[in-house]
Structures are given as C-alpha cells and as structure tokens.
Amino acid sequence: MSYDDILEKIFDLSKYEGKTLEQRALKLSEETGEVAEAVLSCMGAPTCSYKGLNNNDILQEAIDVIIVAFSCIEQLNVTDKDIKNMFDAKLGKWKKKINNEKNIKE
C-alpha cells in the first residue's frame, strides 16, 4: 500500500467518524502522550519501565498520532496541493535549521 493510499483511507474514514476538529485535536494530544509513555517505558525511565513497552509499541503509538493528525487536516477542507505545499515549506524550514546547526552549506 502506498502512502497516497494510506492518506486516502485516513481521509475517507475521517469523513464518517463524526468527531469535531476540537475533539480530534484533543485526541491528538492524548495520542502524543501515549507516544511519550511508550518511549519512557522503552528507555527504562523510573516508574515507567514496569510496562515493558518496546519499539513496536512506540511505532504503534506514533502511527496513531499520524492518523489523528491527518484526520484533523481532513476537516480543514484543503486540497492535496495545499498539503504538499505545506509539507514542502515545513520540510524546507527544518532542513534549513539543521543545515544552520551543522554549518552545512547548500
């Protein structure tokens, strides 16, 4: 399954879920916390390691974050082009920051 197929499935399912943007944003916050919890457990952080979570748990929770984030985007009624342009802009900004921090010349 391609990434485009995955996004199409997320967008299609999101249309029928019934949650508002606000509810989805709160769900995104919940899922982000679950990623943090999985990382802490995997790293053996005090009071967290008893859960015995591993990299697969981190992957699962990170995928949940991606799904919910894209379900939020679906409610914005933006086009694929809008999304791709925003990704290009944000990735360009990230690249520039990394290059500046590492003193890498383009």
C-alpha atoms as a PDB file:
ATOM      1  CA  MET A   1       0.000   0.000   0.000  1.00  0.00           C
ATOM      2  CA  SER A   2       1.414   3.384  -0.978  1.00  0.00           C
ATOM      3  CA  TYR A   3       1.460   6.456   1.246  1.00  0.00           C
ATOM      4  CA  ASP A   4      -1.145   8.030  -1.039  1.00  0.00           C
ATOM      5  CA  ASP A   5      -3.405   5.005  -0.472  1.00  0.00           C
ATOM      6  CA  ILE A   6      -2.916   5.306   3.282  1.00  0.00           C
ATOM      7  CA  LEU A   7      -3.790   9.007   3.254  1.00  0.00           C
ATOM      8  CA  GLU A   8      -6.849   8.335   1.128  1.00  0.00           C
ATOM      9  CA  LYS A   9      -8.039   5.720   3.638  1.00  0.00           C
ATOM     10  CA  ILE A  10      -7.445   8.077   6.563  1.00  0.00           C
ATOM     11  CA  PHE A  11      -9.355  10.881   4.853  1.00  0.00           C
ATOM     12  CA  ASP A  12     -12.206   8.571   3.837  1.00  0.00           C
ATOM     13  CA  LEU A  13     -12.603   7.132   7.341  1.00  0.00           C
ATOM     14  CA  SER A  14     -12.311  10.587   8.911  1.00  0.00           C
ATOM     15  CA  LYS A  15     -15.359  11.793   6.986  1.00  0.00           C
ATOM     16  CA  TYR A  16     -17.518   9.213   8.761  1.00  0.00           C
ATOM     17  CA  GLU A  17     -16.032   9.372  12.257  1.00  0.00           C
ATOM     18  CA  GLY A  18     -18.217  12.210  13.484  1.00  0.00           C
ATOM     19  CA  LYS A  19     -15.688  13.933  15.748  1.00  0.00           C
ATOM     20  CA  THR A  20     -15.294  17.685  15.579  1.00  0.00           C
ATOM     21  CA  LEU A  21     -11.957  19.334  14.915  1.00  0.00           C
ATOM     22  CA  GLU A  22     -11.733  20.214  18.613  1.00  0.00           C
ATOM     23  CA  GLN A  23     -12.367  16.601  19.626  1.00  0.00           C
ATOM     24  CA  ARG A  24      -9.761  15.384  17.158  1.00  0.00           C
ATOM     25  CA  ALA A  25      -7.218  17.896  18.459  1.00  0.00           C
ATOM     26  CA  LEU A  26      -7.786  16.623  21.994  1.00  0.00           C
ATOM     27  CA  LYS A  27      -7.439  13.040  20.755  1.00  0.00           C
ATOM     28  CA  LEU A  28      -4.167  14.050  19.087  1.00  0.00           C
ATOM     29  CA  SER A  29      -2.898  15.326  22.423  1.00  0.00           C
ATOM     30  CA  GLU A  30      -3.889  12.039  24.067  1.00  0.00           C
ATOM     31  CA  GLU A  31      -2.098  10.011  21.391  1.00  0.00           C
ATOM     32  CA  THR A  32       1.021  12.173  21.706  1.00  0.00           C
ATOM     33  CA  GLY A  33       1.070  11.408  25.417  1.00  0.00           C
ATOM     34  CA  GLU A  34       0.887   7.709  24.622  1.00  0.00           C
ATOM     35  CA  VAL A  35       3.961   8.020  22.376  1.00  0.00           C
ATOM     36  CA  ALA A  36       5.820   9.705  25.229  1.00  0.00           C
ATOM     37  CA  GLU A  37       4.709   6.980  27.635  1.00  0.00           C
ATOM     38  CA  ALA A  38       5.925   4.257  25.257  1.00  0.00           C
ATOM     39  CA  VAL A  39       9.306   5.982  24.795  1.00  0.00           C
ATOM     40  CA  LEU A  40       9.769   6.402  28.549  1.00  0.00           C
ATOM     41  CA  SER A  41       8.913   2.756  29.158  1.00  0.00           C
ATOM     42  CA  CYS A  42      11.188   1.563  26.363  1.00  0.00           C
ATOM     43  CA  MET A  43      14.057   3.666  27.750  1.00  0.00           C
ATOM     44  CA  GLY A  44      13.521   2.241  31.242  1.00  0.00           C
ATOM     45  CA  ALA A  45      12.670   5.578  32.831  1.00  0.00           C
ATOM     46  CA  PRO A  46      11.895   5.371  36.555  1.00  0.00           C
ATOM     47  CA  THR A  47       8.255   4.481  37.285  1.00  0.00           C
ATOM     48  CA  CYS A  48       7.673   3.729  33.589  1.00  0.00           C
ATOM     49  CA  SER A  49       9.770   0.674  32.808  1.00  0.00           C
ATOM     50  CA  TYR A  50       7.377  -1.755  34.522  1.00  0.00           C
ATOM     51  CA  LYS A  51       5.107  -1.501  31.483  1.00  0.00           C
ATOM     52  CA  GLY A  52       7.699  -3.308  29.375  1.00  0.00           C
ATOM     53  CA  LEU A  53       6.948  -1.396  26.187  1.00  0.00           C
ATOM     54  CA  ASN A  54       9.267  -1.661  23.194  1.00  0.00           C
ATOM     55  CA  ASN A  55       9.974  -0.134  19.783  1.00  0.00           C
ATOM     56  CA  ASN A  56       6.886  -1.777  18.296  1.00  0.00           C
ATOM     57  CA  ASP A  57       4.741  -0.010  20.905  1.00  0.00           C
ATOM     58  CA  ILE A  58       6.390   3.315  20.023  1.00  0.00           C
ATOM     59  CA  LEU A  59       5.718   2.657  16.331  1.00  0.00           C
ATOM     60  CA  GLN A  60       2.086   1.805  17.049  1.00  0.00           C
ATOM     61  CA  GLU A  61       1.525   4.968  19.075  1.00  0.00           C
ATOM     62  CA  ALA A  62       3.377   7.147  16.551  1.00  0.00           C
ATOM     63  CA  ILE A  63       1.162   5.779  13.765  1.00  0.00           C
ATOM     64  CA  ASP A  64      -1.886   6.662  15.892  1.00  0.00           C
ATOM     65  CA  VAL A  65      -0.557  10.240  16.095  1.00  0.00           C
ATOM     66  CA  ILE A  66      -0.169  10.390  12.312  1.00  0.00           C
ATOM     67  CA  ILE A  67      -3.675   9.032  11.729  1.00  0.00           C
ATOM     68  CA  VAL A  68      -5.284  11.503  14.111  1.00  0.00           C
ATOM     69  CA  ALA A  69      -3.201  14.422  12.777  1.00  0.00           C
ATOM     70  CA  PHE A  70      -4.353  13.676   9.238  1.00  0.00           C
ATOM     71  CA  SER A  71      -7.940  13.311  10.437  1.00  0.00           C
ATOM     72  CA  CYS A  72      -7.598  16.877  11.759  1.00  0.00           C
ATOM     73  CA  ILE A  73      -6.269  18.026   8.391  1.00  0.00           C
ATOM     74  CA  GLU A  74      -9.195  16.339   6.637  1.00  0.00           C
ATOM     75  CA  GLN A  75     -11.597  18.680   8.430  1.00  0.00           C
ATOM     76  CA  LEU A  76      -9.853  21.756   7.049  1.00  0.00           C
ATOM     77  CA  ASN A  77     -11.153  21.158   3.524  1.00  0.00           C
ATOM     78  CA  VAL A  78      -7.741  21.745   1.977  1.00  0.00           C
ATOM     79  CA  THR A  79      -6.516  20.238  -1.283  1.00  0.00           C
ATOM     80  CA  ASP A  80      -3.760  17.696  -1.801  1.00  0.00           C
ATOM     81  CA  LYS A  81      -1.752  20.506  -3.353  1.00  0.00           C
ATOM     82  CA  ASP A  82      -2.225  22.630  -0.202  1.00  0.00           C
ATOM     83  CA  ILE A  83      -0.978  19.757   1.947  1.00  0.00           C
ATOM     84  CA  LYS A  84       2.017  19.022  -0.284  1.00  0.00           C
ATOM     85  CA  ASN A  85       2.945  22.722  -0.435  1.00  0.00           C
ATOM     86  CA  MET A  86       2.800  22.962   3.347  1.00  0.00           C
ATOM     87  CA  PHE A  87       4.940  19.827   3.686  1.00  0.00           C
ATOM     88  CA  ASP A  88       7.479  21.302   1.266  1.00  0.00           C
ATOM     89  CA  ALA A  89       7.580  24.557   3.225  1.00  0.00           C
ATOM     90  CA  LYS A  90       7.876  22.859   6.623  1.00  0.00           C
ATOM     91  CA  LEU A  91      10.498  20.361   5.433  1.00  0.00           C
ATOM     92  CA  GLY A  92      12.455  23.196   3.840  1.00  0.00           C
ATOM     93  CA  LYS A  93      12.379  25.101   7.130  1.00  0.00           C
ATOM     94  CA  TRP A  94      13.509  22.005   9.039  1.00  0.00           C
ATOM     95  CA  LYS A  95      16.319  21.378   6.549  1.00  0.00           C
ATOM     96  CA  LYS A  96      17.484  24.982   6.833  1.00  0.00           C
ATOM     97  CA  LYS A  97      17.539  24.722  10.625  1.00  0.00           C
ATOM     98  CA  ILE A  98      19.550  21.503  10.505  1.00  0.00           C
ATOM     99  CA  ASN A  99      21.943  22.990   7.972  1.00  0.00           C
ATOM    100  CA  ASN A 100      22.415  26.074  10.146  1.00  0.00           C
ATOM    101  CA  GLU A 101      23.018  23.998  13.265  1.00  0.00           C
ATOM    102  CA  LYS A 102      25.500  21.747  11.484  1.00  0.00           C
ATOM    103  CA  ASN A 103      27.052  24.556   9.428  1.00  0.00           C
ATOM    104  CA  ILE A 104      26.242  22.662   6.237  1.00  0.00           C
ATOM    105  CA  LYS A 105      26.340  24.703   3.059  1.00  0.00           C
ATOM    106  CA  GLU A 106      23.719  24.026   0.420  1.00  0.00           C
END
